[in-house]
Amino acid sequence: QLQLVESGGGLVQPGGSLRLSCAASGEGLDWDAIFWFRQAPGKEREGISCISASGSNTHYADSVKGRFTISRDSRDNAIVSVYLQMNHLRPEDTAIYSCATKPTIVRTLCDVRAQRMDYWGKGALVNVSS
């Protein structure tokens, strides 16, 4: 069983930056792609970024492309940290951000449109407001 814990959320002004962290622990992480989702008030949950199990490939939703960057730090097969660097933040980026895992067959691929994640973190609130 995997555990995911997000951190780094908070209040930031429009145009500012924030870095979210997802601490993932458990067996089998070396075959899991890791995703960031967000859900704004009154809106559906949106997949915004993913990084492949190998860490070599990333994918972004159009809404964050060019502003957000995902990265992965694997200390070993059982502990992985995934970061989401968010720049040029906008009020419409306000949401609860959650990380999630999905096992893969091909370690070098991920698609942000993927469905049916395996494990989820509880989420971190990002509030972009002046």
C-alpha atoms as a PDB file:
ATOM      1  CA  GLN A   1       0.000   0.000   0.000  1.00  0.00           C
ATOM      2  CA  LEU A   2       1.234   3.467  -0.887  1.00  0.00           C
ATOM      3  CA  GLN A   3       0.997   6.667   1.117  1.00  0.00           C
ATOM      4  CA  LEU A   4       1.006  10.105  -0.468  1.00  0.00           C
ATOM      5  CA  VAL A   5       1.332  13.375   1.436  1.00  0.00           C
ATOM      6  CA  GLU A   6       1.200  16.792  -0.213  1.00  0.00           C
ATOM      7  CA  SER A   7       2.779  19.933   1.214  1.00  0.00           C
ATOM      8  CA  GLY A   8       3.668  23.453   0.144  1.00  0.00           C
ATOM      9  CA  GLY A   9       0.249  24.929  -0.448  1.00  0.00           C
ATOM     10  CA  GLY A  10      -0.749  28.371   0.732  1.00  0.00           C
ATOM     11  CA  LEU A  11      -1.716  31.901  -0.226  1.00  0.00           C
ATOM     12  CA  VAL A  12       0.164  33.625  -3.035  1.00  0.00           C
ATOM     13  CA  GLN A  13      -0.408  36.793  -5.021  1.00  0.00           C
ATOM     14  CA  PRO A  14      -1.197  36.695  -8.746  1.00  0.00           C
ATOM     15  CA  GLY A  15       2.000  36.423 -10.736  1.00  0.00           C
ATOM     16  CA  GLY A  16       3.769  34.711  -7.866  1.00  0.00           C
ATOM     17  CA  SER A  17       5.263  31.246  -7.520  1.00  0.00           C
ATOM     18  CA  LEU A  18       4.742  28.249  -5.280  1.00  0.00           C
ATOM     19  CA  ARG A  19       6.228  24.762  -5.139  1.00  0.00           C
ATOM     20  CA  LEU A  20       4.144  21.784  -4.115  1.00  0.00           C
ATOM     21  CA  SER A  21       5.683  18.559  -2.877  1.00  0.00           C
ATOM     22  CA  CYS A  22       4.259  15.057  -2.890  1.00  0.00           C
ATOM     23  CA  ALA A  23       5.992  12.560  -0.613  1.00  0.00           C
ATOM     24  CA  ALA A  24       5.192   9.041  -1.775  1.00  0.00           C
ATOM     25  CA  SER A  25       6.196   5.936   0.138  1.00  0.00           C
ATOM     26  CA  GLY A  26       5.556   2.253  -0.352  1.00  0.00           C
ATOM     27  CA  GLU A  27       6.521  -0.682  -2.526  1.00  0.00           C
ATOM     28  CA  GLY A  28       6.370  -0.617  -6.296  1.00  0.00           C
ATOM     29  CA  LEU A  29       6.847   3.086  -6.862  1.00  0.00           C
ATOM     30  CA  ASP A  30       9.454   2.428  -9.533  1.00  0.00           C
ATOM     31  CA  TRP A  31       6.614   1.310 -11.812  1.00  0.00           C
ATOM     32  CA  ASP A  32       4.218   4.125 -10.950  1.00  0.00           C
ATOM     33  CA  ALA A  33       3.669   7.286 -12.906  1.00  0.00           C
ATOM     34  CA  ILE A  34       2.748  10.136 -10.587  1.00  0.00           C
ATOM     35  CA  PHE A  35       0.104  12.739 -11.358  1.00  0.00           C
ATOM     36  CA  TRP A  36      -1.017  16.112 -10.080  1.00  0.00           C
ATOM     37  CA  PHE A  37      -4.708  16.912 -10.129  1.00  0.00           C
ATOM     38  CA  ARG A  38      -6.572  19.975  -8.969  1.00  0.00           C
ATOM     39  CA  GLN A  39     -10.165  20.754  -8.140  1.00  0.00           C
ATOM     40  CA  ALA A  40     -11.433  24.309  -7.947  1.00  0.00           C
ATOM     41  CA  PRO A  41     -14.640  25.169  -6.077  1.00  0.00           C
ATOM     42  CA  GLY A  42     -17.669  24.176  -8.124  1.00  0.00           C
ATOM     43  CA  LYS A  43     -15.584  22.578 -10.865  1.00  0.00           C
ATOM     44  CA  GLU A  44     -14.633  19.055 -11.863  1.00  0.00           C
ATOM     45  CA  ARG A  45     -11.274  17.620 -10.920  1.00  0.00           C
ATOM     46  CA  GLU A  46      -8.654  18.264 -13.594  1.00  0.00           C
ATOM     47  CA  GLY A  47      -5.484  16.327 -14.309  1.00  0.00           C
ATOM     48  CA  ILE A  48      -2.783  18.929 -14.873  1.00  0.00           C
ATOM     49  CA  SER A  49       0.564  17.147 -14.965  1.00  0.00           C
ATOM     50  CA  CYS A  50       2.220  13.763 -14.783  1.00  0.00           C
ATOM     51  CA  ILE A  51       5.721  12.330 -14.729  1.00  0.00           C
ATOM     52  CA  SER A  52       6.615   8.854 -15.906  1.00  0.00           C
ATOM     53  CA  ALA A  53       7.859   6.095 -13.614  1.00  0.00           C
ATOM     54  CA  SER A  54      11.342   6.524 -15.047  1.00  0.00           C
ATOM     55  CA  GLY A  55      11.196  10.294 -14.534  1.00  0.00           C
ATOM     56  CA  SER A  56      12.263  10.827 -18.129  1.00  0.00           C
ATOM     57  CA  ASN A  57       8.983  12.100 -19.542  1.00  0.00           C
ATOM     58  CA  THR A  58       6.352  14.596 -18.459  1.00  0.00           C
ATOM     59  CA  HIS A  59       2.987  15.723 -19.746  1.00  0.00           C
ATOM     60  CA  TYR A  60       0.942  18.856 -19.014  1.00  0.00           C
ATOM     61  CA  ALA A  61      -2.585  20.097 -19.496  1.00  0.00           C
ATOM     62  CA  ASP A  62      -2.877  23.151 -21.748  1.00  0.00           C
ATOM     63  CA  SER A  63      -4.094  25.194 -18.796  1.00  0.00           C
ATOM     64  CA  VAL A  64      -0.690  24.985 -17.069  1.00  0.00           C
ATOM     65  CA  LYS A  65       1.744  24.298 -19.901  1.00  0.00           C
ATOM     66  CA  GLY A  66       4.665  26.693 -19.866  1.00  0.00           C
ATOM     67  CA  ARG A  67       3.956  27.819 -16.292  1.00  0.00           C
ATOM     68  CA  PHE A  68       4.164  24.617 -14.231  1.00  0.00           C
ATOM     69  CA  THR A  69       7.028  22.134 -14.075  1.00  0.00           C
ATOM     70  CA  ILE A  70       6.880  18.647 -12.585  1.00  0.00           C
ATOM     71  CA  SER A  71       9.947  16.776 -11.361  1.00  0.00           C
ATOM     72  CA  ARG A  72      10.697  13.549  -9.569  1.00  0.00           C
ATOM     73  CA  ASP A  73      13.333  12.530  -7.053  1.00  0.00           C
ATOM     74  CA  SER A  74      13.575   8.804  -6.366  1.00  0.00           C
ATOM     75  CA  ARG A  75      15.817   7.948  -3.444  1.00  0.00           C
ATOM     76  CA  ASP A  76      14.978   4.263  -3.772  1.00  0.00           C
ATOM     77  CA  ASN A  77      12.090   2.096  -4.947  1.00  0.00           C
ATOM     78  CA  ALA A  78      10.079   2.805  -1.799  1.00  0.00           C
ATOM     79  CA  ILE A  79      10.469   6.590  -1.378  1.00  0.00           C
ATOM     80  CA  VAL A  80       9.740   9.104  -4.109  1.00  0.00           C
ATOM     81  CA  SER A  81       9.285  12.864  -3.983  1.00  0.00           C
ATOM     82  CA  VAL A  82       7.461  14.640  -6.771  1.00  0.00           C
ATOM     83  CA  TYR A  83       7.455  18.410  -7.062  1.00  0.00           C
ATOM     84  CA  LEU A  84       5.221  20.815  -8.923  1.00  0.00           C
ATOM     85  CA  GLN A  85       6.848  24.194  -9.476  1.00  0.00           C
ATOM     86  CA  MET A  86       4.109  26.693 -10.251  1.00  0.00           C
ATOM     87  CA  ASN A  87       5.062  30.063 -11.746  1.00  0.00           C
ATOM     88  CA  HIS A  88       3.044  32.998 -13.034  1.00  0.00           C
ATOM     89  CA  LEU A  89       0.108  31.933 -10.902  1.00  0.00           C
ATOM     90  CA  ARG A  90      -3.360  33.233 -11.719  1.00  0.00           C
ATOM     91  CA  PRO A  91      -6.509  33.501  -9.604  1.00  0.00           C
ATOM     92  CA  GLU A  92      -8.018  30.691 -11.690  1.00  0.00           C
ATOM     93  CA  ASP A  93      -5.258  28.392 -10.402  1.00  0.00           C
ATOM     94  CA  THR A  94      -6.908  28.475  -6.973  1.00  0.00           C
ATOM     95  CA  ALA A  95      -7.815  24.895  -6.109  1.00  0.00           C
ATOM     96  CA  ILE A  96      -7.049  21.897  -3.958  1.00  0.00           C
ATOM     97  CA  TYR A  97      -4.055  20.141  -5.500  1.00  0.00           C
ATOM     98  CA  SER A  98      -3.653  16.379  -5.052  1.00  0.00           C
ATOM     99  CA  CYS A  99      -1.059  13.879  -6.167  1.00  0.00           C
ATOM    100  CA  ALA A 100      -1.922  10.373  -7.260  1.00  0.00           C
ATOM    101  CA  THR A 101      -0.209   7.247  -8.563  1.00  0.00           C
ATOM    102  CA  LYS A 102      -0.953   4.944 -11.468  1.00  0.00           C
ATOM    103  CA  PRO A 103       0.994   1.743 -12.223  1.00  0.00           C
ATOM    104  CA  THR A 104       2.405   1.560 -15.732  1.00  0.00           C
ATOM    105  CA  ILE A 105       3.608  -1.098 -18.133  1.00  0.00           C
ATOM    106  CA  VAL A 106       5.937   1.257 -19.962  1.00  0.00           C
ATOM    107  CA  ARG A 107       8.053   3.147 -17.418  1.00  0.00           C
ATOM    108  CA  THR A 108       8.854   5.986 -19.807  1.00  0.00           C
ATOM    109  CA  LEU A 109       5.300   7.106 -20.574  1.00  0.00           C
ATOM    110  CA  CYS A 110       2.493   9.013 -18.898  1.00  0.00           C
ATOM    111  CA  ASP A 111      -0.558  10.878 -20.162  1.00  0.00           C
ATOM    112  CA  VAL A 112      -2.213  13.575 -18.084  1.00  0.00           C
ATOM    113  CA  ARG A 113      -5.612  12.448 -19.446  1.00  0.00           C
ATOM    114  CA  ALA A 114      -5.286   9.022 -17.789  1.00  0.00           C
ATOM    115  CA  GLN A 115      -8.109   7.794 -15.587  1.00  0.00           C
ATOM    116  CA  ARG A 116      -8.430   5.490 -12.585  1.00  0.00           C
ATOM    117  CA  MET A 117      -5.594   6.371 -10.290  1.00  0.00           C
ATOM    118  CA  ASP A 118      -4.520   3.854  -7.660  1.00  0.00           C
ATOM    119  CA  TYR A 119      -3.672   5.973  -4.628  1.00  0.00           C
ATOM    120  CA  TRP A 120      -4.364   9.572  -3.688  1.00  0.00           C
ATOM    121  CA  GLY A 121      -3.046  12.096  -1.238  1.00  0.00           C
ATOM    122  CA  LYS A 122      -5.408  14.254   0.803  1.00  0.00           C
ATOM    123  CA  GLY A 123      -4.567  17.423  -1.065  1.00  0.00           C
ATOM    124  CA  ALA A 124      -3.143  20.873  -0.423  1.00  0.00           C
ATOM    125  CA  LEU A 125      -4.941  24.179  -0.881  1.00  0.00           C
ATOM    126  CA  VAL A 126      -3.458  26.771  -3.208  1.00  0.00           C
ATOM    127  CA  ASN A 127      -5.101  30.186  -3.032  1.00  0.00           C
ATOM    128  CA  VAL A 128      -4.045  32.789  -5.590  1.00  0.00           C
ATOM    129  CA  SER A 129      -5.393  36.117  -4.465  1.00  0.00           C
ATOM    130  CA  SER A 130      -4.337  39.709  -3.932  1.00  0.00           C
END
